[in-house]
């Protein structure tokens, strides 16, 4: 029997939707919102990594603390006129130097941190991030940004997101770099999803990925998520859980620039490029001995008469 027209139309619509979800949107291009957010994120991430490197360097760390003290002293001076008390510092010492408050980063509630670049003593919240933590931080934000940008740029109510099988395709289209599970020591995508469970999940009905956080979530929030995850893994590791530690493969170093070979022995240096005497690549050359002199024979002494001048004396 023939089915009603409405039922046939619904079946046809579902068939078209399934086909759309199975095929990647080849024509999709990153929009302006994505480009702006991606540029800001790259600059922010670079600044964070630079700050961590400075905090780990004893000399640069001392300079950071000095700048922090100078800022606090300036604030105290400005607030003293209003009778306000600086919360970030203790009372000044007898010599007038401002002392920073003592902070144990592990005792601070991550969610209560206002500034991830400074816990109050100049120490950033990400001071103990290892290579794996930076990788997870970047992946959290990138997947979050990708899911929201896809929805904006495609602007298709029937396809608000994509399935896990298309992650690599859209990731490469937006970020111009490959997405590889092995970079996170994951054999399957579900293992990667376990690492990203605080950022995204999969809709059980549609099987499409979906972001857990709003599109205007600040970048600093992803630092807090990563730090909470790092602390949890550390607690598990301290309790004897050997599976808690992460070990991601490091990218291979780039090829070294070939160095110019020194000139062969006996060859003359290039004009205007003569090596300094005693430097590398320059060896003084000796004239080979042939057994006979290359100089002309000496002239015979001039004689006068029967004998030389000296013989007549």
Protein backbone atom coordinates (compact mmCIF):
# COMPACT_ATOMS: atom_id res chain seq x y z
CA UNK A 1 0.00 0.00 0.00
CA UNK A 2 1.12 3.52 -0.70
CA UNK A 3 2.14 5.56 2.30
CA UNK A 4 0.67 9.02 2.95
CA UNK A 5 2.44 11.93 1.28
CA UNK A 6 3.49 13.43 4.61
CA UNK A 7 5.17 10.19 5.72
CA UNK A 8 7.01 9.87 2.42
CA UNK A 9 8.21 13.46 2.66
CA UNK A 10 9.51 12.85 6.16
CA UNK A 11 11.38 9.73 5.08
CA UNK A 12 12.88 11.60 2.16
CA UNK A 13 13.95 14.46 4.45
CA UNK A 14 15.65 12.03 6.83
CA UNK A 15 17.43 10.36 3.93
CA UNK A 16 18.76 13.70 2.69
CA UNK A 17 19.88 14.62 6.23
CA UNK A 18 21.75 11.34 6.63
CA UNK A 19 23.52 11.92 3.33
CA UNK A 20 24.50 15.43 4.40
CA UNK A 21 25.91 14.22 7.68
CA UNK A 22 27.90 11.50 5.95
CA UNK A 23 29.60 13.89 3.52
CA UNK A 24 32.03 16.61 4.66
CA UNK A 25 31.20 20.17 3.66
CA UNK A 26 33.92 20.68 1.08
CA UNK A 27 32.86 24.25 0.34
CA UNK A 28 33.09 25.38 3.97
CA UNK A 29 35.61 28.16 4.69
CA UNK A 30 36.68 29.68 8.04
CA UNK A 31 34.80 32.88 8.81
CA UNK A 32 35.97 36.18 10.26
CA UNK A 33 34.89 35.32 13.81
CA UNK A 34 37.09 32.24 13.78
CA UNK A 35 40.07 34.11 12.32
CA UNK A 36 39.88 36.81 14.97
CA UNK A 37 39.53 34.36 17.86
CA UNK A 38 42.28 32.10 16.51
CA UNK A 39 44.71 35.01 16.15
CA UNK A 40 44.01 36.18 19.71
CA UNK A 41 44.46 32.67 21.06
CA UNK A 42 47.83 32.16 19.37
CA UNK A 43 49.13 35.43 20.80
CA UNK A 44 47.80 34.61 24.28
CA UNK A 45 49.23 31.10 24.30
CA UNK A 46 52.62 32.35 23.18
CA UNK A 47 52.64 34.89 26.00
CA UNK A 48 51.76 32.25 28.58
CA UNK A 49 54.53 29.92 27.48
CA UNK A 50 57.03 32.76 27.51
CA UNK A 51 55.95 33.71 31.04
CA UNK A 52 56.40 30.14 32.27
CA UNK A 53 59.90 30.01 30.78
CA UNK A 54 60.79 33.27 32.54
CA UNK A 55 59.43 32.00 35.86
CA UNK A 56 61.60 28.89 35.59
CA UNK A 57 64.71 30.95 34.83
CA UNK A 58 66.26 32.14 38.15
CA UNK A 59 67.53 35.41 36.71
CA UNK A 60 64.32 36.29 34.87
CA UNK A 61 62.22 35.14 37.82
CA UNK A 62 64.03 37.63 40.03
CA UNK A 63 63.21 40.38 37.54
CA UNK A 64 59.54 39.34 37.51
CA UNK A 65 59.34 39.51 41.29
CA UNK A 66 61.02 42.92 41.26
CA UNK A 67 58.42 44.23 38.79
CA UNK A 68 55.64 42.77 40.93
CA UNK A 69 57.00 44.54 44.01
CA UNK A 70 57.26 47.80 42.10
CA UNK A 71 53.62 47.47 40.98
CA UNK A 72 52.44 46.79 44.52
CA UNK A 73 54.43 49.70 45.89
CA UNK A 74 52.86 51.97 43.31
CA UNK A 75 49.38 50.71 44.19
CA UNK A 76 49.98 51.17 47.89
CA UNK A 77 51.13 54.71 47.30
CA UNK A 78 48.03 55.45 45.23
CA UNK A 79 45.67 53.83 47.73
CA UNK A 80 47.26 55.43 50.78
CA UNK A 81 45.57 58.70 49.90
CA UNK A 82 42.17 57.03 50.28
CA UNK A 83 43.20 55.03 53.34
CA UNK A 84 42.81 51.71 51.50
CA UNK A 85 44.89 48.71 52.38
CA UNK A 86 46.67 46.73 49.71
CA UNK A 87 45.45 43.15 49.90
CA UNK A 88 48.20 41.57 47.83
CA UNK A 89 51.08 42.58 50.12
CA UNK A 90 52.01 42.54 53.78
CA UNK A 91 52.98 45.62 55.75
CA UNK A 92 56.17 47.21 54.43
CA UNK A 93 59.38 46.25 56.11
CA UNK A 94 61.46 48.69 58.11
CA UNK A 95 63.48 49.58 55.05
CA UNK A 96 60.29 50.37 53.15
CA UNK A 97 60.52 47.35 50.82
CA UNK A 98 57.22 45.74 49.83
CA UNK A 99 57.03 42.02 50.58
CA UNK A 100 54.96 39.68 48.46
CA UNK A 101 52.49 37.38 50.10
CA UNK A 102 53.60 33.77 50.51
CA UNK A 103 51.63 31.51 48.20
CA UNK A 104 51.46 27.73 47.94
CA UNK A 105 49.97 27.17 44.51
CA UNK A 106 48.78 23.65 45.34
CA UNK A 107 46.60 24.99 48.17
CA UNK A 108 44.79 27.52 45.99
CA UNK A 109 41.36 26.66 44.63
CA UNK A 110 41.76 26.84 40.86
CA UNK A 111 38.24 28.15 40.31
CA UNK A 112 38.92 31.12 42.62
CA UNK A 113 41.92 32.41 40.65
CA UNK A 114 41.26 35.81 39.10
CA UNK A 115 44.45 36.13 37.09
CA UNK A 116 46.03 32.94 35.73
CA UNK A 117 49.27 34.82 35.08
CA UNK A 118 49.74 35.88 38.72
CA UNK A 119 48.63 34.10 41.88
CA UNK A 120 49.64 37.09 43.98
CA UNK A 121 53.38 36.53 44.19
CA UNK A 122 54.10 36.68 40.47
CA UNK A 123 53.76 32.91 39.98
CA UNK A 124 51.47 31.87 37.09
CA UNK A 125 48.86 29.17 37.52
CA UNK A 126 50.52 27.20 34.71
CA UNK A 127 53.98 27.27 36.31
CA UNK A 128 54.10 23.45 36.54
CA UNK A 129 52.69 22.68 33.09
CA UNK A 130 54.65 20.02 31.25
CA UNK A 131 54.64 19.34 27.52
CA UNK A 132 51.52 17.16 27.85
CA UNK A 133 49.62 19.88 29.72
CA UNK A 134 50.33 22.45 27.02
CA UNK A 135 49.19 19.95 24.38
CA UNK A 136 45.92 19.34 26.23
CA UNK A 137 45.36 23.04 26.80
CA UNK A 138 45.75 23.76 23.08
CA UNK A 139 43.52 20.83 22.11
CA UNK A 140 40.78 21.93 24.51
CA UNK A 141 40.61 25.43 23.11
CA UNK A 142 41.04 24.41 19.47
CA UNK A 143 38.23 21.84 19.53
CA UNK A 144 36.02 24.28 21.44
CA UNK A 145 36.71 26.97 18.84
CA UNK A 146 36.25 24.58 15.92
CA UNK A 147 32.83 23.37 17.04
CA UNK A 148 31.47 26.89 17.49
CA UNK A 149 33.05 28.19 14.28
CA UNK A 150 31.63 25.29 12.26
CA UNK A 151 28.11 26.08 13.42
CA UNK A 152 28.54 29.77 12.58
CA UNK A 153 30.19 29.33 9.20
CA UNK A 154 28.00 26.55 7.80
CA UNK A 155 24.79 28.09 9.19
CA UNK A 156 22.76 24.96 8.49
CA UNK A 157 20.08 24.03 11.08
CA UNK A 158 20.15 20.44 9.83
CA UNK A 159 23.88 20.15 10.43
CA UNK A 160 24.88 22.06 13.59
CA UNK A 161 28.01 19.95 14.06
CA UNK A 162 29.91 16.95 12.70
CA UNK A 163 30.73 13.39 13.69
CA UNK A 164 34.07 12.12 14.95
CA UNK A 165 34.91 10.75 11.52
CA UNK A 166 35.16 14.30 10.15
CA UNK A 167 37.28 15.81 12.93
CA UNK A 168 40.55 15.47 11.01
CA UNK A 169 39.02 16.99 7.86
CA UNK A 170 37.63 20.13 9.54
CA UNK A 171 40.59 20.49 11.89
CA UNK A 172 42.96 20.63 8.94
CA UNK A 173 40.66 23.00 7.02
CA UNK A 174 40.52 25.49 9.90
CA UNK A 175 43.92 25.19 11.57
CA UNK A 176 46.00 24.19 8.53
CA UNK A 177 47.64 21.33 10.39
CA UNK A 178 46.87 17.62 10.75
CA UNK A 179 44.94 16.10 13.63
CA UNK A 180 46.53 12.86 14.80
CA UNK A 181 45.39 10.70 17.70
CA UNK A 182 48.91 9.36 18.15
CA UNK A 183 50.02 12.85 19.17
CA UNK A 184 48.01 12.26 22.36
CA UNK A 185 49.02 8.60 22.73
CA UNK A 186 45.45 7.58 21.85
CA UNK A 187 44.56 4.53 19.80
CA UNK A 188 40.89 5.42 19.31
CA UNK A 189 38.87 8.62 19.30
CA UNK A 190 37.02 7.59 22.45
CA UNK A 191 40.34 7.69 24.29
CA UNK A 192 40.86 11.25 23.11
CA UNK A 193 37.31 12.16 24.14
CA UNK A 194 38.14 10.97 27.64
CA UNK A 195 40.91 13.57 27.76
CA UNK A 196 38.51 16.25 26.48
CA UNK A 197 35.50 15.30 28.62
CA UNK A 198 35.44 18.70 30.33
CA UNK A 199 35.28 20.52 26.99
CA UNK A 200 33.13 18.50 24.59
CA UNK A 201 31.02 15.36 24.31
CA UNK A 202 29.07 13.36 21.74
CA UNK A 203 25.30 13.59 21.35
CA UNK A 204 23.95 10.08 21.93
CA UNK A 205 21.05 10.58 19.52
CA UNK A 206 22.67 12.35 16.59
CA UNK A 207 26.25 11.08 17.19
CA UNK A 208 27.48 14.62 16.56
CA UNK A 209 30.13 16.31 18.67
CA UNK A 210 29.05 19.26 20.76
CA UNK A 211 30.87 21.86 22.83
CA UNK A 212 30.15 21.98 26.55
CA UNK A 213 31.14 25.61 27.02
CA UNK A 214 29.66 28.80 25.62
CA UNK A 215 31.38 30.39 22.66
CA UNK A 216 32.41 33.46 24.68
CA UNK A 217 34.22 31.41 27.34
CA UNK A 218 37.47 33.16 28.23
CA UNK A 219 40.76 31.52 27.29
CA UNK A 220 41.88 31.59 30.93
CA UNK A 221 39.10 29.13 31.80
CA UNK A 222 40.81 26.46 29.72
CA UNK A 223 43.99 27.00 31.75
CA UNK A 224 41.99 26.29 34.90
CA UNK A 225 40.55 23.11 33.40
CA UNK A 226 44.02 21.95 32.43
CA UNK A 227 45.46 22.73 35.88
CA UNK A 228 42.64 20.86 37.62
CA UNK A 229 43.28 17.87 35.35
CA UNK A 230 47.04 18.05 36.06
CA UNK A 231 46.46 18.08 39.82
CA UNK A 232 44.06 15.14 39.61
CA UNK A 233 46.60 13.09 37.66
CA UNK A 234 49.27 14.03 40.19
CA UNK A 235 47.09 12.87 43.10
CA UNK A 236 46.42 9.57 41.35
CA UNK A 237 50.10 9.12 40.59
CA UNK A 238 51.05 9.84 44.21
CA UNK A 239 48.53 7.20 45.28
CA UNK A 240 50.28 4.59 43.14
CA UNK A 241 48.18 4.73 39.96
CA UNK A 242 50.72 4.09 37.20
CA UNK A 243 48.15 4.82 34.47
CA UNK A 244 47.73 8.43 35.61
CA UNK A 245 50.93 9.72 34.03
CA UNK A 246 50.76 10.97 30.45
CA UNK A 247 53.57 10.56 27.98
CA UNK A 248 52.91 12.12 24.61
CA UNK A 249 55.41 11.64 21.79
CA UNK A 250 57.47 14.74 21.13
CA UNK A 251 57.73 16.04 17.57
CA UNK A 252 61.00 15.24 15.87
CA UNK A 253 63.40 18.19 15.71
CA UNK A 254 63.64 19.88 12.36
CA UNK A 255 66.57 19.16 10.02
CA UNK A 256 69.74 20.98 10.93
CA UNK A 257 71.00 23.57 8.50
CA UNK A 258 73.95 22.17 6.53
CA UNK A 259 77.23 23.84 7.36
CA UNK A 260 79.63 24.83 4.63
CA UNK A 261 82.56 22.45 4.44
CA UNK A 262 86.06 23.89 4.94
CA UNK A 263 88.06 24.37 1.73
CA UNK A 264 90.28 21.44 0.76
CA UNK A 265 93.89 21.62 1.75
CA UNK A 266 95.98 23.38 -0.82
CA UNK A 267 93.12 25.41 -2.29
CA UNK A 268 93.31 29.17 -2.29
CA UNK A 269 90.68 31.06 -0.24
CA UNK A 270 87.99 32.98 -2.07
CA UNK A 271 88.68 36.63 -2.78
CA UNK A 272 87.44 38.83 0.05
CA UNK A 273 86.79 35.76 2.17
CA UNK A 274 90.25 34.84 3.36
CA UNK A 275 90.22 33.00 6.68
CA UNK A 276 92.04 34.60 9.56
CA UNK A 277 95.39 33.04 10.23
CA UNK A 278 95.05 30.40 12.92
CA UNK A 279 91.28 30.04 12.48
CA UNK A 280 89.38 26.89 11.58
CA UNK A 281 89.46 25.86 7.95
CA UNK A 282 92.83 27.52 7.23
CA UNK A 283 96.14 25.72 7.21
CA UNK A 284 99.39 27.37 6.02
CA UNK A 285 100.77 25.52 3.01
CA UNK A 286 104.41 24.55 2.58
CA UNK A 287 106.14 24.70 -0.79
CA UNK A 288 107.00 21.16 -1.87
CA UNK A 289 110.75 20.42 -2.04
CA UNK A 290 111.86 19.39 -5.50
CA UNK A 291 115.57 18.89 -4.79
CA UNK A 292 116.71 21.75 -7.00
CA UNK A 293 116.50 25.42 -6.33
CA UNK A 294 114.06 27.48 -8.33
CA UNK A 295 116.22 30.60 -7.93
CA UNK A 296 118.71 31.60 -10.71
CA UNK A 297 122.37 30.63 -10.10
CA UNK A 298 124.52 33.29 -8.39
CA UNK A 299 126.60 35.54 -10.62
CA UNK A 300 130.33 34.92 -10.78
CA UNK A 301 132.44 37.62 -9.11
CA UNK A 302 133.84 40.10 -11.61
CA UNK A 303 137.56 39.62 -12.15
CA UNK A 304 140.15 42.31 -13.06
CA UNK A 305 143.14 41.14 -14.98
CA UNK A 306 144.79 38.10 -13.58
CA UNK A 307 143.03 38.17 -10.27
CA UNK A 308 140.34 39.65 -8.23
CA UNK A 309 140.59 42.81 -6.22
CA UNK A 310 141.06 40.86 -3.05
CA UNK A 311 143.77 38.65 -4.48
CA UNK A 312 145.92 41.69 -5.42
CA UNK A 313 145.95 42.98 -1.85
